[in-house]
PDB file of N, CA and C in Angstrom:
ATOM      1  N   MET A   1    -137.446  35.241 207.470  1.00  0.00           N
ATOM      2  CA  MET A   1    -137.403  33.783 207.435  1.00  0.00           C
ATOM      3  C   MET A   1    -138.820  33.233 207.522  1.00  0.00           C
ATOM      4  N   SER A   2    -139.122  32.261 206.694  1.00  0.00           N
ATOM      5  CA  SER A   2    -140.431  31.636 206.663  1.00  0.00           C
ATOM      6  C   SER A   2    -140.603  30.708 207.860  1.00  0.00           C
ATOM      7  N   ALA A   3    -141.799  30.685 208.410  1.00  0.00           N
ATOM      8  CA  ALA A   3    -142.071  29.816 209.549  1.00  0.00           C
ATOM      9  C   ALA A   3    -142.113  28.354 209.132  1.00  0.00           C
ATOM     10  N   SER A   4    -142.363  28.083 207.842  1.00  0.00           N
ATOM     11  CA  SER A   4    -142.501  26.704 207.400  1.00  0.00           C
ATOM     12  C   SER A   4    -141.187  26.054 206.942  1.00  0.00           C
ATOM     13  N   MET A   5    -140.132  26.848 206.743  1.00  0.00           N
ATOM     14  CA  MET A   5    -138.875  26.282 206.271  1.00  0.00           C
ATOM     15  C   MET A   5    -137.706  26.902 207.034  1.00  0.00           C
ATOM     16  N   PRO A   6    -136.892  26.071 207.664  1.00  0.00           N
ATOM     17  CA  PRO A   6    -135.720  26.603 208.363  1.00  0.00           C
ATOM     18  C   PRO A   6    -134.783  27.316 207.377  1.00  0.00           C
ATOM     19  N   GLU A   7    -134.034  28.282 207.880  1.00  0.00           N
ATOM     20  CA  GLU A   7    -133.176  29.113 207.043  1.00  0.00           C
ATOM     21  C   GLU A   7    -132.116  28.309 206.297  1.00  0.00           C
ATOM     22  N   ASN A   8    -131.576  27.266 206.901  1.00  0.00           N
ATOM     23  CA  ASN A   8    -130.486  26.506 206.286  1.00  0.00           C
ATOM     24  C   ASN A   8    -130.959  25.324 205.434  1.00  0.00           C
ATOM     25  N   GLN A   9    -132.265  25.131 205.275  1.00  0.00           N
ATOM     26  CA  GLN A   9    -132.775  24.005 204.488  1.00  0.00           C
ATOM     27  C   GLN A   9    -132.751  24.356 203.000  1.00  0.00           C
ATOM     28  N   GLN A  10    -132.200  23.476 202.184  1.00  0.00           N
ATOM     29  CA  GLN A  10    -132.113  23.681 200.747  1.00  0.00           C
ATOM     30  C   GLN A  10    -133.279  22.991 200.056  1.00  0.00           C
ATOM     31  N   VAL A  11    -133.887  23.668 199.093  1.00  0.00           N
ATOM     32  CA  VAL A  11    -134.992  23.105 198.335  1.00  0.00           C
ATOM     33  C   VAL A  11    -134.421  22.422 197.094  1.00  0.00           C
ATOM     34  N   VAL A  12    -134.838  21.192 196.850  1.00  0.00           N
ATOM     35  CA  VAL A  12    -134.374  20.429 195.692  1.00  0.00           C
ATOM     36  C   VAL A  12    -135.592  20.078 194.844  1.00  0.00           C
ATOM     37  N   TYR A  13    -135.504  20.390 193.564  1.00  0.00           N
ATOM     38  CA  TYR A  13    -136.591  20.092 192.643  1.00  0.00           C
ATOM     39  C   TYR A  13    -136.197  18.931 191.739  1.00  0.00           C
ATOM     40  N   SER A  14    -137.173  18.148 191.306  1.00  0.00           N
ATOM     41  CA  SER A  14    -136.879  16.988 190.459  1.00  0.00           C
ATOM     42  C   SER A  14    -137.063  17.277 188.974  1.00  0.00           C
ATOM     43  N   ARG A  15    -137.612  18.447 188.634  1.00  0.00           N
ATOM     44  CA  ARG A  15    -137.857  18.789 187.242  1.00  0.00           C
ATOM     45  C   ARG A  15    -137.507  20.248 186.993  1.00  0.00           C
ATOM     46  N   SER A  16    -137.062  20.529 185.755  1.00  0.00           N
ATOM     47  CA  SER A  16    -136.821  21.914 185.366  1.00  0.00           C
ATOM     48  C   SER A  16    -136.998  22.065 183.865  1.00  0.00           C
ATOM     49  N   ILE A  17    -137.381  23.260 183.458  1.00  0.00           N
ATOM     50  CA  ILE A  17    -137.496  23.615 182.048  1.00  0.00           C
ATOM     51  C   ILE A  17    -136.696  24.877 181.827  1.00  0.00           C
ATOM     52  N   LYS A  18    -135.886  24.871 180.778  1.00  0.00           N
ATOM     53  CA  LYS A  18    -135.100  26.035 180.403  1.00  0.00           C
ATOM     54  C   LYS A  18    -135.555  26.457 179.014  1.00  0.00           C
ATOM     55  N   ILE A  19    -135.886  27.727 178.842  1.00  0.00           N
ATOM     56  CA  ILE A  19    -136.323  28.244 177.552  1.00  0.00           C
ATOM     57  C   ILE A  19    -135.327  29.312 177.106  1.00  0.00           C
ATOM     58  N   ASN A  20    -134.702  29.081 175.947  1.00  0.00           N
ATOM     59  CA  ASN A  20    -133.763  30.042 175.374  1.00  0.00           C
ATOM     60  C   ASN A  20    -134.416  30.717 174.188  1.00  0.00           C
ATOM     61  N   ASP A  21    -134.285  32.035 174.112  1.00  0.00           N
ATOM     62  CA  ASP A  21    -134.812  32.803 173.001  1.00  0.00           C
ATOM     63  C   ASP A  21    -133.704  32.982 171.967  1.00  0.00           C
ATOM     64  N   THR A  22    -133.926  32.514 170.750  1.00  0.00           N
ATOM     65  CA  THR A  22    -132.933  32.636 169.683  1.00  0.00           C
ATOM     66  C   THR A  22    -133.529  33.468 168.552  1.00  0.00           C
ATOM     67  N   ALA A  23    -132.709  33.788 167.572  1.00  0.00           N
ATOM     68  CA  ALA A  23    -133.186  34.558 166.420  1.00  0.00           C
ATOM     69  C   ALA A  23    -134.243  33.792 165.628  1.00  0.00           C
ATOM     70  N   LYS A  24    -134.219  32.449 165.701  1.00  0.00           N
ATOM     71  CA  LYS A  24    -135.154  31.616 164.939  1.00  0.00           C
ATOM     72  C   LYS A  24    -136.359  31.159 165.762  1.00  0.00           C
ATOM     73  N   GLY A  25    -136.407  31.487 167.048  1.00  0.00           N
ATOM     74  CA  GLY A  25    -137.497  31.059 167.920  1.00  0.00           C
ATOM     75  C   GLY A  25    -136.940  30.548 169.229  1.00  0.00           C
ATOM     76  N   ILE A  26    -137.802  29.986 170.060  1.00  0.00           N
ATOM     77  CA  ILE A  26    -137.345  29.495 171.356  1.00  0.00           C
ATOM     78  C   ILE A  26    -136.882  28.052 171.269  1.00  0.00           C
ATOM     79  N   ARG A  27    -135.971  27.696 172.146  1.00  0.00           N
ATOM     80  CA  ARG A  27    -135.522  26.314 172.325  1.00  0.00           C
ATOM     81  C   ARG A  27    -135.909  25.898 173.746  1.00  0.00           C
ATOM     82  N   ILE A  28    -136.392  24.687 173.877  1.00  0.00           N
ATOM     83  CA  ILE A  28    -136.863  24.179 175.164  1.00  0.00           C
ATOM     84  C   ILE A  28    -135.969  23.031 175.598  1.00  0.00           C
ATOM     85  N   ASP A  29    -135.409  23.134 176.800  1.00  0.00           N
ATOM     86  CA  ASP A  29    -134.627  22.054 177.411  1.00  0.00           C
ATOM     87  C   ASP A  29    -135.370  21.589 178.650  1.00  0.00           C
ATOM     88  N   VAL A  30    -135.554  20.284 178.775  1.00  0.00           N
ATOM     89  CA  VAL A  30    -136.265  19.696 179.911  1.00  0.00           C
ATOM     90  C   VAL A  30    -135.308  18.778 180.654  1.00  0.00           C
ATOM     91  N   HIS A  31    -135.329  18.862 181.985  1.00  0.00           N
ATOM     92  CA  HIS A  31    -134.513  17.999 182.833  1.00  0.00           C
ATOM     93  C   HIS A  31    -135.418  17.369 183.887  1.00  0.00           C
ATOM     94  N   VAL A  32    -135.352  16.050 184.003  1.00  0.00           N
ATOM     95  CA  VAL A  32    -136.157  15.320 184.987  1.00  0.00           C
ATOM     96  C   VAL A  32    -135.251  14.353 185.731  1.00  0.00           C
ATOM     97  N   CYS A  33    -135.377  14.320 187.046  1.00  0.00           N
ATOM     98  CA  CYS A  33    -134.630  13.366 187.871  1.00  0.00           C
ATOM     99  C   CYS A  33    -135.633  12.464 188.583  1.00  0.00           C
ATOM    100  N   ALA A  34    -135.452  11.173 188.441  1.00  0.00           N
ATOM    101  CA  ALA A  34    -136.308  10.206 189.126  1.00  0.00           C
ATOM    102  C   ALA A  34    -135.570   8.877 189.187  1.00  0.00           C
ATOM    103  N   ASN A  35    -136.014   8.002 190.070  1.00  0.00           N
ATOM    104  CA  ASN A  35    -135.379   6.701 190.229  1.00  0.00           C
ATOM    105  C   ASN A  35    -135.866   5.674 189.219  1.00  0.00           C
ATOM    106  N   ASP A  36    -137.038   5.882 188.650  1.00  0.00           N
ATOM    107  CA  ASP A  36    -137.635   4.937 187.720  1.00  0.00           C
ATOM    108  C   ASP A  36    -137.449   5.436 186.291  1.00  0.00           C
ATOM    109  N   THR A  37    -136.780   4.655 185.439  1.00  0.00           N
ATOM    110  CA  THR A  37    -136.483   5.070 184.073  1.00  0.00           C
ATOM    111  C   THR A  37    -137.748   5.398 183.282  1.00  0.00           C
ATOM    112  N   GLY A  38    -138.728   4.515 183.338  1.00  0.00           N
ATOM    113  CA  GLY A  38    -139.974   4.733 182.599  1.00  0.00           C
ATOM    114  C   GLY A  38    -140.668   6.010 183.027  1.00  0.00           C
ATOM    115  N   GLN A  39    -140.738   6.237 184.314  1.00  0.00           N
ATOM    116  CA  GLN A  39    -141.369   7.439 184.857  1.00  0.00           C
ATOM    117  C   GLN A  39    -140.594   8.686 184.418  1.00  0.00           C
ATOM    118  N   THR A  40    -139.284   8.606 184.430  1.00  0.00           N
ATOM    119  CA  THR A  40    -138.448   9.731 184.036  1.00  0.00           C
ATOM    120  C   THR A  40    -138.690  10.097 182.579  1.00  0.00           C
ATOM    121  N   ILE A  41    -138.696   9.100 181.715  1.00  0.00           N
ATOM    122  CA  ILE A  41    -138.927   9.330 180.290  1.00  0.00           C
ATOM    123  C   ILE A  41    -140.314   9.915 180.062  1.00  0.00           C
ATOM    124  N   GLU A  42    -141.315   9.333 180.696  1.00  0.00           N
ATOM    125  CA  GLU A  42    -142.694   9.805 180.545  1.00  0.00           C
ATOM    126  C   GLU A  42    -142.824  11.259 180.984  1.00  0.00           C
ATOM    127  N   GLN A  43    -142.250  11.615 182.110  1.00  0.00           N
ATOM    128  CA  GLN A  43    -142.325  12.990 182.611  1.00  0.00           C
ATOM    129  C   GLN A  43    -141.579  13.956 181.690  1.00  0.00           C
ATOM    130  N   ALA A  44    -140.416  13.536 181.199  1.00  0.00           N
ATOM    131  CA  ALA A  44    -139.623  14.409 180.332  1.00  0.00           C
ATOM    132  C   ALA A  44    -140.391  14.731 179.047  1.00  0.00           C
ATOM    133  N   PHE A  45    -140.935  13.702 178.381  1.00  0.00           N
ATOM    134  CA  PHE A  45    -141.673  13.954 177.145  1.00  0.00           C
ATOM    135  C   PHE A  45    -142.960  14.720 177.401  1.00  0.00           C
ATOM    136  N   SER A  46    -143.635  14.419 178.483  1.00  0.00           N
ATOM    137  CA  SER A  46    -144.856  15.132 178.826  1.00  0.00           C
ATOM    138  C   SER A  46    -144.584  16.620 179.036  1.00  0.00           C
ATOM    139  N   MET A  47    -143.533  16.929 179.783  1.00  0.00           N
ATOM    140  CA  MET A  47    -143.174  18.334 180.023  1.00  0.00           C
ATOM    141  C   MET A  47    -142.777  19.019 178.723  1.00  0.00           C
ATOM    142  N   TYR A  48    -141.978  18.341 177.906  1.00  0.00           N
ATOM    143  CA  TYR A  48    -141.515  18.914 176.648  1.00  0.00           C
ATOM    144  C   TYR A  48    -142.687  19.222 175.717  1.00  0.00           C
ATOM    145  N   LEU A  49    -143.577  18.251 175.539  1.00  0.00           N
ATOM    146  CA  LEU A  49    -144.716  18.446 174.660  1.00  0.00           C
ATOM    147  C   LEU A  49    -145.662  19.518 175.180  1.00  0.00           C
ATOM    148  N   LYS A  50    -145.855  19.573 176.492  1.00  0.00           N
ATOM    149  CA  LYS A  50    -146.725  20.600 177.075  1.00  0.00           C
ATOM    150  C   LYS A  50    -146.109  21.985 176.895  1.00  0.00           C
ATOM    151  N   ALA A  51    -144.795  22.104 177.052  1.00  0.00           N
ATOM    152  CA  ALA A  51    -144.120  23.389 176.849  1.00  0.00           C
ATOM    153  C   ALA A  51    -144.243  23.825 175.392  1.00  0.00           C
ATOM    154  N   GLN A  52    -144.066  22.885 174.451  1.00  0.00           N
ATOM    155  CA  GLN A  52    -144.228  23.205 173.027  1.00  0.00           C
ATOM    156  C   GLN A  52    -145.648  23.681 172.733  1.00  0.00           C
ATOM    157  N   GLN A  53    -146.636  22.965 173.254  1.00  0.00           N
ATOM    158  CA  GLN A  53    -148.030  23.334 173.004  1.00  0.00           C
ATOM    159  C   GLN A  53    -148.355  24.694 173.608  1.00  0.00           C
ATOM    160  N   THR A  54    -147.831  24.974 174.789  1.00  0.00           N
ATOM    161  CA  THR A  54    -148.045  26.278 175.417  1.00  0.00           C
ATOM    162  C   THR A  54    -147.452  27.390 174.563  1.00  0.00           C
ATOM    163  N   ALA A  55    -146.268  27.154 173.994  1.00  0.00           N
ATOM    164  CA  ALA A  55    -145.646  28.139 173.102  1.00  0.00           C
ATOM    165  C   ALA A  55    -146.534  28.372 171.878  1.00  0.00           C
ATOM    166  N   ARG A  56    -146.999  27.288 171.266  1.00  0.00           N
ATOM    167  CA  ARG A  56    -147.871  27.419 170.087  1.00  0.00           C
ATOM    168  C   ARG A  56    -149.157  28.167 170.432  1.00  0.00           C
ATOM    169  N   ASP A  57    -149.765  27.839 171.574  1.00  0.00           N
ATOM    170  CA  ASP A  57    -150.999  28.492 172.003  1.00  0.00           C
ATOM    171  C   ASP A  57    -150.796  29.995 172.196  1.00  0.00           C
ATOM    172  N   ASN A  58    -149.578  30.388 172.565  1.00  0.00           N
ATOM    173  CA  ASN A  58    -149.256  31.801 172.789  1.00  0.00           C
ATOM    174  C   ASN A  58    -148.573  32.436 171.584  1.00  0.00           C
ATOM    175  N   LYS A  59    -148.625  31.729 170.437  1.00  0.00           N
ATOM    176  CA  LYS A  59    -148.056  32.208 169.176  1.00  0.00           C
ATOM    177  C   LYS A  59    -146.572  32.565 169.303  1.00  0.00           C
ATOM    178  N   ILE A  60    -145.845  31.721 170.030  1.00  0.00           N
ATOM    179  CA  ILE A  60    -144.401  31.862 170.192  1.00  0.00           C
ATOM    180  C   ILE A  60    -143.741  30.871 169.240  1.00  0.00           C
ATOM    181  N   THR A  61    -142.832  31.373 168.420  1.00  0.00           N
ATOM    182  CA  THR A  61    -142.164  30.545 167.424  1.00  0.00           C
ATOM    183  C   THR A  61    -141.177  29.590 168.075  1.00  0.00           C
ATOM    184  N   LEU A  62    -141.233  28.325 167.652  1.00  0.00           N
ATOM    185  CA  LEU A  62    -140.263  27.328 168.104  1.00  0.00           C
ATOM    186  C   LEU A  62    -139.116  27.289 167.096  1.00  0.00           C
ATOM    187  N   ALA A  63    -137.902  27.302 167.583  1.00  0.00           N
ATOM    188  CA  ALA A  63    -136.738  27.220 166.705  1.00  0.00           C
ATOM    189  C   ALA A  63    -136.721  25.860 166.029  1.00  0.00           C
ATOM    190  N   PRO A  64    -136.332  25.821 164.746  1.00  0.00           N
ATOM    191  CA  PRO A  64    -136.270  24.529 164.060  1.00  0.00           C
ATOM    192  C   PRO A  64    -135.191  23.648 164.680  1.00  0.00           C
ATOM    193  N   THR A  65    -135.415  22.350 164.633  1.00  0.00           N
ATOM    194  CA  THR A  65    -134.438  21.393 165.124  1.00  0.00           C
ATOM    195  C   THR A  65    -133.302  21.304 164.126  1.00  0.00           C
ATOM    196  N   GLU A  66    -132.086  21.442 164.617  1.00  0.00           N
ATOM    197  CA  GLU A  66    -130.924  21.384 163.743  1.00  0.00           C
ATOM    198  C   GLU A  66    -130.176  20.078 163.989  1.00  0.00           C
ATOM    199  N   VAL A  67    -129.712  19.470 162.892  1.00  0.00           N
ATOM    200  CA  VAL A  67    -128.954  18.238 162.977  1.00  0.00           C
ATOM    201  C   VAL A  67    -127.485  18.594 162.803  1.00  0.00           C
ATOM    202  N   ASN A  68    -126.652  18.240 163.777  1.00  0.00           N
ATOM    203  CA  ASN A  68    -125.219  18.509 163.685  1.00  0.00           C
ATOM    204  C   ASN A  68    -124.545  17.502 162.750  1.00  0.00           C
ATOM    205  N   GLY A  69    -123.521  17.951 162.083  1.00  0.00           N
ATOM    206  CA  GLY A  69    -122.769  17.041 161.222  1.00  0.00           C
ATOM    207  C   GLY A  69    -123.052  17.302 159.766  1.00  0.00           C
ATOM    208  N   LYS A  70    -123.825  16.422 159.157  1.00  0.00           N
ATOM    209  CA  LYS A  70    -124.050  16.485 157.706  1.00  0.00           C
ATOM    210  C   LYS A  70    -125.016  17.563 157.319  1.00  0.00           C
TER     211      LYS A  70
END
């Protein structure tokens, strides 16, 4: 048990990134929780764009965006 966190205390994060590896490249999902709509949107796009750029910098293929329906 860590001296800085009691055993029964749960850690809650306000942001997460999920990266799925597909046959066509990776897909990036970003989740942000905040009370301010503008701040939430800004953080979500910032994280998404930074994750995309990091993938490109590491020569990781991004899966093409697919449009459902037509």
